[in-house]
Amino acid sequence: MDKLKSKIENVTHDEIDTSSEMKVFKDLYLYGNLNKDSKPLSGKKMLSMAKQLGLEDCKILNIDEYVSACLKNNEPKNCIIFVPSDKGPIGHWTSSYTQNNTIYFFNSLGNVKTQAAINRIKRVRNITANSKVYQNNTTSNCGWLALLHLVAHAKPSVVQKEA
């Protein structure tokens, strides 16, 4: 844990300027604080931040691509997963990592909009998914929490649901 804390505190920045996002992420990781008005993260920013945090193998897939990869036993070890909305080009970020042939799936809204996908994977793979809600559905914090899940490789118990 100290090694990871040190990596987060001393992160460097690549060609995509993520300095303000990395400060927010450091506060989230170190203190469990996340401003409920935090700016949403784009996939490009999340991928850049993941690489800066040592997740070189991190990939971004949409939920259908992710399920397909899991069913073929070919999912990325660390994955940021986009769940599209019915309301246009917006959506929800979730994440997963695979360790010892078990998939650890995280959705900050609990099982909302991902339960069917989890059930499909569960038929052929060992998957653990949270049901606890960590995010108010009126906030845009899903990207931050998805990234925290990948970095911490654990339930983000430091994060409290905002009312």
Protein backbone atom coordinates (compact mmCIF):
# COMPACT_ATOMS: atom_id res chain seq x y z
CA MET A 1 0.00 0.00 0.00
CA ASP A 2 2.84 2.43 0.79
CA LYS A 3 4.40 1.66 -2.61
CA LEU A 4 1.14 2.54 -4.36
CA LYS A 5 0.69 5.68 -2.24
CA SER A 6 4.20 6.78 -3.20
CA LYS A 7 3.49 6.15 -6.89
CA ILE A 8 0.32 8.26 -6.73
CA GLU A 9 2.05 11.07 -4.86
CA ASN A 10 4.97 11.17 -7.33
CA VAL A 11 3.11 10.61 -10.60
CA THR A 12 4.50 12.35 -13.68
CA HIS A 13 2.46 13.71 -16.55
CA ASP A 14 2.59 12.59 -20.16
CA GLU A 15 1.48 14.33 -23.36
CA ILE A 16 -2.10 14.71 -22.11
CA ASP A 17 -2.23 17.31 -19.35
CA THR A 18 -3.93 15.58 -16.44
CA SER A 19 -2.39 17.63 -13.63
CA SER A 20 -5.70 18.91 -12.22
CA GLU A 21 -7.32 15.48 -12.54
CA MET A 22 -4.36 13.81 -10.85
CA LYS A 23 -4.68 16.19 -7.89
CA VAL A 24 -8.35 15.26 -7.48
CA PHE A 25 -7.47 11.58 -7.83
CA LYS A 26 -4.72 11.86 -5.20
CA ASP A 27 -7.21 13.43 -2.78
CA LEU A 28 -9.71 10.66 -3.52
CA TYR A 29 -7.15 7.92 -2.99
CA LEU A 30 -5.38 9.40 0.02
CA TYR A 31 -8.31 10.93 1.91
CA GLY A 32 -11.47 9.39 0.47
CA ASN A 33 -12.68 12.83 -0.63
CA LEU A 34 -14.42 13.43 -3.92
CA ASN A 35 -16.12 16.70 -4.67
CA LYS A 36 -19.65 15.85 -5.74
CA ASP A 37 -19.28 18.42 -8.51
CA SER A 38 -16.13 16.84 -9.92
CA LYS A 39 -15.78 17.18 -13.67
CA PRO A 40 -16.51 13.94 -15.54
CA LEU A 41 -13.50 12.13 -16.99
CA SER A 42 -13.23 11.30 -20.67
CA GLY A 43 -12.01 7.88 -21.72
CA LYS A 44 -8.83 9.44 -23.12
CA LYS A 45 -8.05 11.16 -19.79
CA MET A 46 -8.82 7.99 -17.81
CA LEU A 47 -6.54 5.89 -19.99
CA SER A 48 -3.76 8.45 -19.70
CA MET A 49 -4.14 8.58 -15.91
CA ALA A 50 -4.21 4.78 -15.69
CA LYS A 51 -0.94 4.54 -17.59
CA GLN A 52 0.64 7.22 -15.38
CA LEU A 53 -0.41 5.17 -12.35
CA GLY A 54 1.34 2.06 -13.67
CA LEU A 55 -1.58 0.29 -15.35
CA GLU A 56 0.19 0.02 -18.71
CA ASP A 57 -2.04 -2.85 -19.80
CA CYS A 58 -5.30 -0.96 -19.16
CA LYS A 59 -7.82 -0.97 -22.01
CA ILE A 60 -11.17 0.71 -22.61
CA LEU A 61 -14.05 -1.38 -23.96
CA ASN A 62 -17.79 -0.87 -24.15
CA ILE A 63 -19.89 -3.30 -22.12
CA ASP A 64 -20.75 -5.53 -25.11
CA GLU A 65 -17.09 -5.80 -26.16
CA TYR A 66 -16.13 -6.58 -22.58
CA VAL A 67 -18.71 -9.36 -22.19
CA SER A 68 -17.61 -10.87 -25.50
CA ALA A 69 -13.95 -10.82 -24.41
CA CYS A 70 -14.81 -12.42 -21.05
CA LEU A 71 -16.78 -15.20 -22.70
CA LYS A 72 -13.69 -15.97 -24.81
CA ASN A 73 -11.44 -15.79 -21.72
CA ASN A 74 -9.66 -12.88 -23.41
CA GLU A 75 -10.57 -9.82 -21.32
CA PRO A 76 -7.91 -7.21 -20.48
CA LYS A 77 -6.30 -7.67 -17.07
CA ASN A 78 -7.31 -4.08 -16.20
CA CYS A 79 -10.30 -2.66 -18.02
CA ILE A 80 -12.32 0.54 -17.99
CA ILE A 81 -15.79 -0.30 -19.28
CA PHE A 82 -18.23 2.14 -20.86
CA VAL A 83 -21.94 1.48 -20.41
CA PRO A 84 -23.79 3.68 -22.93
CA SER A 85 -26.93 5.57 -22.00
CA ASP A 86 -30.21 5.47 -23.86
CA LYS A 87 -29.99 9.28 -23.91
CA GLY A 88 -27.29 9.75 -26.53
CA PRO A 89 -23.48 9.87 -26.45
CA ILE A 90 -23.23 9.86 -22.66
CA GLY A 91 -22.95 6.91 -20.35
CA HIS A 92 -21.47 5.37 -17.25
CA TRP A 93 -17.91 4.16 -16.48
CA THR A 94 -17.30 0.88 -14.65
CA SER A 95 -14.13 -1.17 -14.30
CA SER A 96 -12.77 -4.65 -13.76
CA TYR A 97 -9.54 -6.44 -13.18
CA THR A 98 -8.75 -10.13 -13.47
CA GLN A 99 -6.60 -11.90 -10.92
CA ASN A 100 -6.10 -15.66 -10.51
CA ASN A 101 -8.76 -16.29 -13.18
CA THR A 102 -11.38 -14.37 -11.19
CA ILE A 103 -12.95 -11.19 -12.57
CA TYR A 104 -13.50 -8.37 -10.08
CA PHE A 105 -16.15 -6.08 -11.54
CA PHE A 106 -16.96 -2.66 -10.07
CA ASN A 107 -19.94 -0.42 -10.75
CA SER A 108 -20.22 2.69 -8.55
CA LEU A 109 -24.01 2.56 -8.98
CA GLY A 110 -24.21 -1.02 -7.74
CA ASN A 111 -25.74 -3.37 -10.29
CA VAL A 112 -27.60 -0.69 -12.24
CA LYS A 113 -27.41 -1.37 -16.00
CA THR A 114 -24.76 -4.09 -15.66
CA GLN A 115 -26.55 -7.01 -13.99
CA ALA A 116 -27.48 -8.69 -17.29
CA ALA A 117 -23.85 -8.51 -18.45
CA ILE A 118 -22.60 -9.90 -15.14
CA ASN A 119 -25.10 -12.77 -15.35
CA ARG A 120 -23.92 -13.66 -18.88
CA ILE A 121 -20.29 -13.78 -17.75
CA LYS A 122 -21.20 -15.69 -14.58
CA ARG A 123 -22.45 -18.62 -16.68
CA VAL A 124 -18.91 -19.44 -17.82
CA ARG A 125 -16.50 -17.48 -15.59
CA ASN A 126 -15.88 -16.73 -11.94
CA ILE A 127 -16.90 -13.10 -11.41
CA THR A 128 -17.32 -11.01 -8.27
CA ALA A 129 -19.31 -7.79 -8.53
CA ASN A 130 -20.24 -5.19 -5.95
CA SER A 131 -23.87 -4.44 -5.21
CA LYS A 132 -23.18 -1.54 -2.84
CA VAL A 133 -23.83 1.94 -4.23
CA TYR A 134 -20.87 4.34 -3.96
CA GLN A 135 -22.19 7.16 -6.14
CA ASN A 136 -25.28 9.31 -6.23
CA ASN A 137 -26.89 8.85 -9.64
CA THR A 138 -27.04 12.63 -10.16
CA THR A 139 -23.23 13.03 -10.01
CA SER A 140 -20.55 12.40 -12.62
CA ASN A 141 -18.07 10.56 -10.42
CA CYS A 142 -18.17 7.15 -12.07
CA GLY A 143 -14.88 7.55 -13.96
CA TRP A 144 -13.01 8.56 -10.82
CA LEU A 145 -14.40 5.59 -8.87
CA ALA A 146 -13.77 3.13 -11.70
CA LEU A 147 -10.15 4.25 -11.85
CA LEU A 148 -9.81 4.00 -8.06
CA HIS A 149 -11.02 0.39 -8.24
CA LEU A 150 -8.31 -0.48 -10.75
CA VAL A 151 -5.55 1.29 -8.85
CA ALA A 152 -6.49 -0.03 -5.41
CA HIS A 153 -7.54 -3.51 -6.61
CA ALA A 154 -10.00 -3.58 -3.77
CA LYS A 155 -13.39 -2.31 -2.80
CA PRO A 156 -13.09 1.46 -2.49
CA SER A 157 -14.23 1.40 1.13
CA VAL A 158 -12.75 4.86 1.70
CA VAL A 159 -15.37 6.31 -0.62
CA GLN A 160 -18.64 7.29 1.00
CA LYS A 161 -21.88 7.56 -0.95
CA GLU A 162 -22.85 11.19 -1.35
CA ALA A 163 -26.46 12.02 -0.64
